[in-house]
PDB file of N, CA and C in Angstrom:
ATOM      1  N   UNK A   1      95.133  84.978 101.835  1.00  0.00           N
ATOM      2  CA  UNK A   1      94.023  85.552 102.557  1.00  0.00           C
ATOM      3  C   UNK A   1      93.160  86.346 101.577  1.00  0.00           C
ATOM      4  N   UNK A   2      91.867  86.248 101.775  1.00  0.00           N
ATOM      5  CA  UNK A   2      90.920  86.980 100.942  1.00  0.00           C
ATOM      6  C   UNK A   2      90.209  88.013 101.807  1.00  0.00           C
ATOM      7  N   UNK A   3      90.036  89.216 101.264  1.00  0.00           N
ATOM      8  CA  UNK A   3      89.311  90.273 101.961  1.00  0.00           C
ATOM      9  C   UNK A   3      88.279  90.868 101.017  1.00  0.00           C
ATOM     10  N   UNK A   4      87.100  91.101 101.550  1.00  0.00           N
ATOM     11  CA  UNK A   4      86.014  91.698 100.769  1.00  0.00           C
ATOM     12  C   UNK A   4      85.359  92.769 101.624  1.00  0.00           C
ATOM     13  N   UNK A   5      84.953  93.866 100.999  1.00  0.00           N
ATOM     14  CA  UNK A   5      84.136  94.884 101.662  1.00  0.00           C
ATOM     15  C   UNK A   5      82.910  95.108 100.795  1.00  0.00           C
ATOM     16  N   UNK A   6      81.752  94.905 101.403  1.00  0.00           N
ATOM     17  CA  UNK A   6      80.487  95.066 100.697  1.00  0.00           C
ATOM     18  C   UNK A   6      79.762  96.247 101.319  1.00  0.00           C
ATOM     19  N   UNK A   7      79.346  97.188 100.498  1.00  0.00           N
ATOM     20  CA  UNK A   7      78.601  98.359 100.968  1.00  0.00           C
ATOM     21  C   UNK A   7      77.109  98.084 100.846  1.00  0.00           C
ATOM     22  N   UNK A   8      76.369  98.458 101.887  1.00  0.00           N
ATOM     23  CA  UNK A   8      74.920  98.269 101.868  1.00  0.00           C
ATOM     24  C   UNK A   8      74.250  99.438 102.578  1.00  0.00           C
ATOM     25  N   UNK A   9      73.609 100.302 101.821  1.00  0.00           N
ATOM     26  CA  UNK A   9      72.872 101.443 102.367  1.00  0.00           C
ATOM     27  C   UNK A   9      73.696 102.246 103.370  1.00  0.00           C
ATOM     28  N   UNK A  10      74.941 102.542 103.004  1.00  0.00           N
ATOM     29  CA  UNK A  10      75.800 103.370 103.847  1.00  0.00           C
ATOM     30  C   UNK A  10      76.526 102.615 104.950  1.00  0.00           C
ATOM     31  N   UNK A  11      76.413 101.308 104.975  1.00  0.00           N
ATOM     32  CA  UNK A  11      77.094 100.485 105.971  1.00  0.00           C
ATOM     33  C   UNK A  11      78.077  99.560 105.267  1.00  0.00           C
ATOM     34  N   UNK A  12      79.129  99.163 105.988  1.00  0.00           N
ATOM     35  CA  UNK A  12      80.160  98.311 105.406  1.00  0.00           C
ATOM     36  C   UNK A  12      80.174  96.953 106.095  1.00  0.00           C
ATOM     37  N   UNK A  13      80.212  95.907 105.284  1.00  0.00           N
ATOM     38  CA  UNK A  13      80.386  94.547 105.781  1.00  0.00           C
ATOM     39  C   UNK A  13      81.760  94.102 105.289  1.00  0.00           C
ATOM     40  N   UNK A  14      82.666  93.869 106.239  1.00  0.00           N
ATOM     41  CA  UNK A  14      84.024  93.447 105.919  1.00  0.00           C
ATOM     42  C   UNK A  14      84.161  91.957 106.202  1.00  0.00           C
ATOM     43  N   UNK A  15      84.653  91.236 105.204  1.00  0.00           N
ATOM     44  CA  UNK A  15      84.812  89.784 105.309  1.00  0.00           C
ATOM     45  C   UNK A  15      86.282  89.462 105.105  1.00  0.00           C
ATOM     46  N   UNK A  16      86.823  88.666 106.022  1.00  0.00           N
ATOM     47  CA  UNK A  16      88.218  88.236 105.911  1.00  0.00           C
ATOM     48  C   UNK A  16      88.268  86.726 106.089  1.00  0.00           C
ATOM     49  N   UNK A  17      88.993  86.049 105.211  1.00  0.00           N
ATOM     50  CA  UNK A  17      89.085  84.581 105.249  1.00  0.00           C
ATOM     51  C   UNK A  17      90.527  84.177 104.977  1.00  0.00           C
ATOM     52  N   UNK A  18      91.059  83.302 105.833  1.00  0.00           N
ATOM     53  CA  UNK A  18      92.391  82.758 105.617  1.00  0.00           C
ATOM     54  C   UNK A  18      92.273  81.287 105.248  1.00  0.00           C
ATOM     55  N   UNK A  19      93.388  80.694 104.889  1.00  0.00           N
ATOM     56  CA  UNK A  19      93.381  79.325 104.377  1.00  0.00           C
ATOM     57  C   UNK A  19      92.695  78.349 105.324  1.00  0.00           C
ATOM     58  N   UNK A  20      93.027  78.374 106.592  1.00  0.00           N
ATOM     59  CA  UNK A  20      92.439  77.417 107.516  1.00  0.00           C
ATOM     60  C   UNK A  20      91.392  78.033 108.432  1.00  0.00           C
ATOM     61  N   UNK A  21      90.944  79.248 108.140  1.00  0.00           N
ATOM     62  CA  UNK A  21      89.862  79.874 108.876  1.00  0.00           C
ATOM     63  C   UNK A  21      90.236  80.430 110.231  1.00  0.00           C
ATOM     64  N   UNK A  22      91.512  80.376 110.606  1.00  0.00           N
ATOM     65  CA  UNK A  22      91.918  80.861 111.925  1.00  0.00           C
ATOM     66  C   UNK A  22      91.604  82.327 112.130  1.00  0.00           C
ATOM     67  N   UNK A  23      91.735  83.118 111.102  1.00  0.00           N
ATOM     68  CA  UNK A  23      91.488  84.553 111.203  1.00  0.00           C
ATOM     69  C   UNK A  23      90.247  84.978 110.442  1.00  0.00           C
ATOM     70  N   UNK A  24      89.340  84.059 110.229  1.00  0.00           N
ATOM     71  CA  UNK A  24      88.102  84.384 109.522  1.00  0.00           C
ATOM     72  C   UNK A  24      87.269  85.334 110.367  1.00  0.00           C
ATOM     73  N   UNK A  25      86.711  86.356 109.716  1.00  0.00           N
ATOM     74  CA  UNK A  25      85.855  87.275 110.457  1.00  0.00           C
ATOM     75  C   UNK A  25      84.877  87.975 109.529  1.00  0.00           C
ATOM     76  N   UNK A  26      83.756  88.384 110.117  1.00  0.00           N
ATOM     77  CA  UNK A  26      82.772  89.216 109.437  1.00  0.00           C
ATOM     78  C   UNK A  26      82.504  90.389 110.370  1.00  0.00           C
ATOM     79  N   UNK A  27      82.657  91.588 109.840  1.00  0.00           N
ATOM     80  CA  UNK A  27      82.419  92.784 110.646  1.00  0.00           C
ATOM     81  C   UNK A  27      81.403  93.682 109.963  1.00  0.00           C
ATOM     82  N   UNK A  28      80.529  94.251 110.766  1.00  0.00           N
ATOM     83  CA  UNK A  28      79.521  95.204 110.282  1.00  0.00           C
ATOM     84  C   UNK A  28      79.889  96.542 110.897  1.00  0.00           C
ATOM     85  N   UNK A  29      80.201  97.511 110.046  1.00  0.00           N
ATOM     86  CA  UNK A  29      80.652  98.830 110.505  1.00  0.00           C
ATOM     87  C   UNK A  29      81.763  98.709 111.544  1.00  0.00           C
ATOM     88  N   UNK A  30      82.689  97.772 111.311  1.00  0.00           N
ATOM     89  CA  UNK A  30      83.863  97.630 112.154  1.00  0.00           C
ATOM     90  C   UNK A  30      83.695  96.768 113.392  1.00  0.00           C
ATOM     91  N   UNK A  31      82.480  96.291 113.648  1.00  0.00           N
ATOM     92  CA  UNK A  31      82.235  95.466 114.830  1.00  0.00           C
ATOM     93  C   UNK A  31      82.021  94.012 114.418  1.00  0.00           C
ATOM     94  N   UNK A  32      82.669  93.099 115.130  1.00  0.00           N
ATOM     95  CA  UNK A  32      82.623  91.683 114.801  1.00  0.00           C
ATOM     96  C   UNK A  32      81.257  91.063 115.004  1.00  0.00           C
ATOM     97  N   UNK A  33      80.927  90.110 114.154  1.00  0.00           N
ATOM     98  CA  UNK A  33      79.677  89.363 114.244  1.00  0.00           C
ATOM     99  C   UNK A  33      79.976  87.919 114.617  1.00  0.00           C
ATOM    100  N   UNK A  34      79.053  87.293 115.303  1.00  0.00           N
ATOM    101  CA  UNK A  34      79.243  85.937 115.801  1.00  0.00           C
ATOM    102  C   UNK A  34      78.878  84.912 114.729  1.00  0.00           C
ATOM    103  N   UNK A  35      79.722  83.911 114.600  1.00  0.00           N
ATOM    104  CA  UNK A  35      79.480  82.823 113.665  1.00  0.00           C
ATOM    105  C   UNK A  35      78.340  81.969 114.223  1.00  0.00           C
ATOM    106  N   UNK A  36      77.348  81.658 113.411  1.00  0.00           N
ATOM    107  CA  UNK A  36      76.215  80.884 113.906  1.00  0.00           C
ATOM    108  C   UNK A  36      76.295  79.408 113.541  1.00  0.00           C
ATOM    109  N   UNK A  37      77.049  79.075 112.511  1.00  0.00           N
ATOM    110  CA  UNK A  37      77.226  77.667 112.147  1.00  0.00           C
ATOM    111  C   UNK A  37      78.580  77.525 111.504  1.00  0.00           C
ATOM    112  N   UNK A  38      79.294  76.489 111.874  1.00  0.00           N
ATOM    113  CA  UNK A  38      80.610  76.268 111.293  1.00  0.00           C
ATOM    114  C   UNK A  38      80.783  74.788 110.987  1.00  0.00           C
ATOM    115  N   UNK A  39      81.290  74.506 109.815  1.00  0.00           N
ATOM    116  CA  UNK A  39      81.622  73.169 109.364  1.00  0.00           C
ATOM    117  C   UNK A  39      83.001  73.310 108.727  1.00  0.00           C
ATOM    118  N   UNK A  40      83.667  72.232 108.447  1.00  0.00           N
ATOM    119  CA  UNK A  40      84.995  72.345 107.845  1.00  0.00           C
ATOM    120  C   UNK A  40      84.955  72.964 106.452  1.00  0.00           C
ATOM    121  N   UNK A  41      83.783  72.981 105.817  1.00  0.00           N
ATOM    122  CA  UNK A  41      83.711  73.503 104.454  1.00  0.00           C
ATOM    123  C   UNK A  41      82.932  74.812 104.320  1.00  0.00           C
ATOM    124  N   UNK A  42      82.219  75.247 105.362  1.00  0.00           N
ATOM    125  CA  UNK A  42      81.514  76.522 105.252  1.00  0.00           C
ATOM    126  C   UNK A  42      81.168  77.091 106.627  1.00  0.00           C
ATOM    127  N   UNK A  43      80.865  78.377 106.632  1.00  0.00           N
ATOM    128  CA  UNK A  43      80.447  79.049 107.868  1.00  0.00           C
ATOM    129  C   UNK A  43      79.357  80.054 107.524  1.00  0.00           C
ATOM    130  N   UNK A  44      78.375  80.163 108.398  1.00  0.00           N
ATOM    131  CA  UNK A  44      77.300  81.149 108.243  1.00  0.00           C
ATOM    132  C   UNK A  44      77.388  82.176 109.361  1.00  0.00           C
ATOM    133  N   UNK A  45      77.185  83.417 109.000  1.00  0.00           N
ATOM    134  CA  UNK A  45      77.061  84.497 109.968  1.00  0.00           C
ATOM    135  C   UNK A  45      75.688  85.102 109.744  1.00  0.00           C
ATOM    136  N   UNK A  46      74.838  85.056 110.718  1.00  0.00           N
ATOM    137  CA  UNK A  46      73.489  85.618 110.602  1.00  0.00           C
ATOM    138  C   UNK A  46      73.327  86.640 111.705  1.00  0.00           C
ATOM    139  N   UNK A  47      72.949  87.862 111.329  1.00  0.00           N
ATOM    140  CA  UNK A  47      72.802  88.913 112.332  1.00  0.00           C
ATOM    141  C   UNK A  47      71.773  89.932 111.881  1.00  0.00           C
ATOM    142  N   UNK A  48      71.180  90.612 112.857  1.00  0.00           N
ATOM    143  CA  UNK A  48      70.186  91.650 112.587  1.00  0.00           C
ATOM    144  C   UNK A  48      70.726  93.000 113.028  1.00  0.00           C
ATOM    145  N   UNK A  49      70.415  94.022 112.236  1.00  0.00           N
ATOM    146  CA  UNK A  49      70.846  95.385 112.516  1.00  0.00           C
ATOM    147  C   UNK A  49      69.698  96.340 112.274  1.00  0.00           C
ATOM    148  N   UNK A  50      69.743  97.456 112.938  1.00  0.00           N
ATOM    149  CA  UNK A  50      68.770  98.526 112.741  1.00  0.00           C
ATOM    150  C   UNK A  50      69.312  99.466 111.671  1.00  0.00           C
ATOM    151  N   UNK A  51      68.555  99.645 110.587  1.00  0.00           N
ATOM    152  CA  UNK A  51      68.944 100.553 109.512  1.00  0.00           C
ATOM    153  C   UNK A  51      67.739 101.388 109.103  1.00  0.00           C
ATOM    154  N   UNK A  52      67.893 102.680 109.149  1.00  0.00           N
ATOM    155  CA  UNK A  52      66.820 103.599 108.749  1.00  0.00           C
ATOM    156  C   UNK A  52      65.515 103.301 109.479  1.00  0.00           C
ATOM    157  N   UNK A  53      65.611 102.968 110.765  1.00  0.00           N
ATOM    158  CA  UNK A  53      64.423 102.722 111.571  1.00  0.00           C
ATOM    159  C   UNK A  53      63.791 101.351 111.393  1.00  0.00           C
ATOM    160  N   UNK A  54      64.414 100.483 110.611  1.00  0.00           N
ATOM    161  CA  UNK A  54      63.880  99.144 110.381  1.00  0.00           C
ATOM    162  C   UNK A  54      64.932  98.088 110.726  1.00  0.00           C
ATOM    163  N   UNK A  55      64.477  96.934 111.184  1.00  0.00           N
ATOM    164  CA  UNK A  55      65.377  95.820 111.454  1.00  0.00           C
ATOM    165  C   UNK A  55      65.618  95.054 110.162  1.00  0.00           C
ATOM    166  N   UNK A  56      66.895  94.869 109.833  1.00  0.00           N
ATOM    167  CA  UNK A  56      67.255  94.093 108.647  1.00  0.00           C
ATOM    168  C   UNK A  56      68.067  92.889 109.088  1.00  0.00           C
ATOM    169  N   UNK A  57      67.945  91.819 108.335  1.00  0.00           N
ATOM    170  CA  UNK A  57      68.651  90.579 108.652  1.00  0.00           C
ATOM    171  C   UNK A  57      69.668  90.285 107.558  1.00  0.00           C
ATOM    172  N   UNK A  58      70.893  90.087 107.982  1.00  0.00           N
ATOM    173  CA  UNK A  58      71.970  89.740 107.066  1.00  0.00           C
ATOM    174  C   UNK A  58      72.369  88.286 107.269  1.00  0.00           C
ATOM    175  N   UNK A  59      72.753  87.658 106.185  1.00  0.00           N
ATOM    176  CA  UNK A  59      73.323  86.313 106.239  1.00  0.00           C
ATOM    177  C   UNK A  59      74.551  86.319 105.335  1.00  0.00           C
ATOM    178  N   UNK A  60      75.689  85.978 105.913  1.00  0.00           N
ATOM    179  CA  UNK A  60      76.932  85.894 105.167  1.00  0.00           C
ATOM    180  C   UNK A  60      77.358  84.437 105.175  1.00  0.00           C
ATOM    181  N   UNK A  61      77.518  83.860 103.989  1.00  0.00           N
ATOM    182  CA  UNK A  61      77.931  82.462 103.860  1.00  0.00           C
ATOM    183  C   UNK A  61      79.313  82.435 103.219  1.00  0.00           C
ATOM    184  N   UNK A  62      80.238  81.759 103.900  1.00  0.00           N
ATOM    185  CA  UNK A  62      81.599  81.592 103.393  1.00  0.00           C
ATOM    186  C   UNK A  62      81.804  80.095 103.216  1.00  0.00           C
ATOM    187  N   UNK A  63      82.039  79.664 101.981  1.00  0.00           N
ATOM    188  CA  UNK A  63      82.213  78.233 101.736  1.00  0.00           C
ATOM    189  C   UNK A  63      83.412  77.978 100.829  1.00  0.00           C
ATOM    190  N   UNK A  64      83.961  76.766 100.945  1.00  0.00           N
ATOM    191  CA  UNK A  64      85.087  76.390 100.099  1.00  0.00           C
ATOM    192  C   UNK A  64      84.635  76.277  98.656  1.00  0.00           C
ATOM    193  N   UNK A  65      85.463  76.756  97.774  1.00  0.00           N
ATOM    194  CA  UNK A  65      85.204  76.637  96.339  1.00  0.00           C
ATOM    195  C   UNK A  65      86.278  75.727  95.744  1.00  0.00           C
ATOM    196  N   UNK A  66      87.507  76.156  95.809  1.00  0.00           N
ATOM    197  CA  UNK A  66      88.653  75.329  95.450  1.00  0.00           C
ATOM    198  C   UNK A  66      89.579  75.401  96.664  1.00  0.00           C
ATOM    199  N   UNK A  67      89.302  74.547  97.633  1.00  0.00           N
ATOM    200  CA  UNK A  67      90.048  74.613  98.879  1.00  0.00           C
ATOM    201  C   UNK A  67      91.496  74.278  98.627  1.00  0.00           C
ATOM    202  N   UNK A  68      92.471  74.940  99.197  1.00  0.00           N
ATOM    203  CA  UNK A  68      92.348  76.044 100.143  1.00  0.00           C
ATOM    204  C   UNK A  68      92.620  77.396  99.520  1.00  0.00           C
ATOM    205  N   UNK A  69      92.460  77.532  98.217  1.00  0.00           N
ATOM    206  CA  UNK A  69      92.878  78.780  97.579  1.00  0.00           C
ATOM    207  C   UNK A  69      91.744  79.703  97.173  1.00  0.00           C
ATOM    208  N   UNK A  70      90.528  79.246  97.204  1.00  0.00           N
ATOM    209  CA  UNK A  70      89.424  80.092  96.760  1.00  0.00           C
ATOM    210  C   UNK A  70      88.178  79.791  97.578  1.00  0.00           C
ATOM    211  N   UNK A  71      87.393  80.839  97.837  1.00  0.00           N
ATOM    212  CA  UNK A  71      86.178  80.694  98.622  1.00  0.00           C
ATOM    213  C   UNK A  71      85.004  81.306  97.897  1.00  0.00           C
ATOM    214  N   UNK A  72      83.844  80.772  98.169  1.00  0.00           N
ATOM    215  CA  UNK A  72      82.599  81.325  97.660  1.00  0.00           C
ATOM    216  C   UNK A  72      82.020  82.178  98.786  1.00  0.00           C
ATOM    217  N   UNK A  73      81.727  83.432  98.466  1.00  0.00           N
ATOM    218  CA  UNK A  73      81.175  84.373  99.435  1.00  0.00           C
ATOM    219  C   UNK A  73      79.798  84.791  98.927  1.00  0.00           C
ATOM    220  N   UNK A  74      78.796  84.731  99.809  1.00  0.00           N
ATOM    221  CA  UNK A  74      77.459  85.194  99.454  1.00  0.00           C
ATOM    222  C   UNK A  74      76.912  86.004 100.626  1.00  0.00           C
ATOM    223  N   UNK A  75      76.388  87.190 100.316  1.00  0.00           N
ATOM    224  CA  UNK A  75      75.797  88.053 101.339  1.00  0.00           C
ATOM    225  C   UNK A  75      74.342  88.307 100.968  1.00  0.00           C
ATOM    226  N   UNK A  76      73.452  88.038 101.930  1.00  0.00           N
ATOM    227  CA  UNK A  76      72.029  88.294 101.727  1.00  0.00           C
ATOM    228  C   UNK A  76      71.557  89.340 102.728  1.00  0.00           C
ATOM    229  N   UNK A  77      70.634  90.146 102.282  1.00  0.00           N
ATOM    230  CA  UNK A  77      69.980  91.131 103.140  1.00  0.00           C
ATOM    231  C   UNK A  77      68.480  90.902 103.015  1.00  0.00           C
ATOM    232  N   UNK A  78      67.848  90.551 104.125  1.00  0.00           N
ATOM    233  CA  UNK A  78      66.417  90.220 104.127  1.00  0.00           C
ATOM    234  C   UNK A  78      66.085  89.176 103.058  1.00  0.00           C
ATOM    235  N   UNK A  79      66.966  88.177 102.917  1.00  0.00           N
ATOM    236  CA  UNK A  79      66.727  87.082 101.987  1.00  0.00           C
ATOM    237  C   UNK A  79      67.112  87.347 100.543  1.00  0.00           C
ATOM    238  N   UNK A  80      67.486  88.570 100.216  1.00  0.00           N
ATOM    239  CA  UNK A  80      67.848  88.933  98.844  1.00  0.00           C
ATOM    240  C   UNK A  80      69.374  88.984  98.727  1.00  0.00           C
ATOM    241  N   UNK A  81      69.933  88.360  97.724  1.00  0.00           N
ATOM    242  CA  UNK A  81      71.383  88.376  97.530  1.00  0.00           C
ATOM    243  C   UNK A  81      71.820  89.773  97.129  1.00  0.00           C
ATOM    244  N   UNK A  82      72.756  90.332  97.907  1.00  0.00           N
ATOM    245  CA  UNK A  82      73.293  91.655  97.575  1.00  0.00           C
ATOM    246  C   UNK A  82      74.728  91.573  97.096  1.00  0.00           C
ATOM    247  N   UNK A  83      75.366  90.397  97.296  1.00  0.00           N
ATOM    248  CA  UNK A  83      76.734  90.214  96.800  1.00  0.00           C
ATOM    249  C   UNK A  83      77.037  88.715  96.691  1.00  0.00           C
ATOM    250  N   UNK A  84      77.713  88.355  95.643  1.00  0.00           N
ATOM    251  CA  UNK A  84      78.291  87.030  95.509  1.00  0.00           C
ATOM    252  C   UNK A  84      79.547  87.168  94.645  1.00  0.00           C
ATOM    253  N   UNK A  85      80.552  86.392  94.954  1.00  0.00           N
ATOM    254  CA  UNK A  85      81.774  86.454  94.144  1.00  0.00           C
ATOM    255  C   UNK A  85      81.826  85.326  93.119  1.00  0.00           C
ATOM    256  N   UNK A  86      80.739  84.586  92.962  1.00  0.00           N
ATOM    257  CA  UNK A  86      80.693  83.506  91.976  1.00  0.00           C
ATOM    258  C   UNK A  86      79.423  83.579  91.179  1.00  0.00           C
TER     259      UNK A  86
END
């Protein structure tokens, strides 16, 4: 299982991924986000949050890198990459 915590302007995005995706989750400040697209090789989580009086859009992409032992994680905020593990 892989776990990542990404900090963004005082907020935490927690990502958890298991081998077969059964326990895959993305949480923003401890609250779960809904998966918007899922395929056997990747999943996207796209959600909007209010931060400092402005609406921001996050996109979290979880994709197979060396299945089933490694994943590529990319987090974007308003279209700008704020984290990648590759």
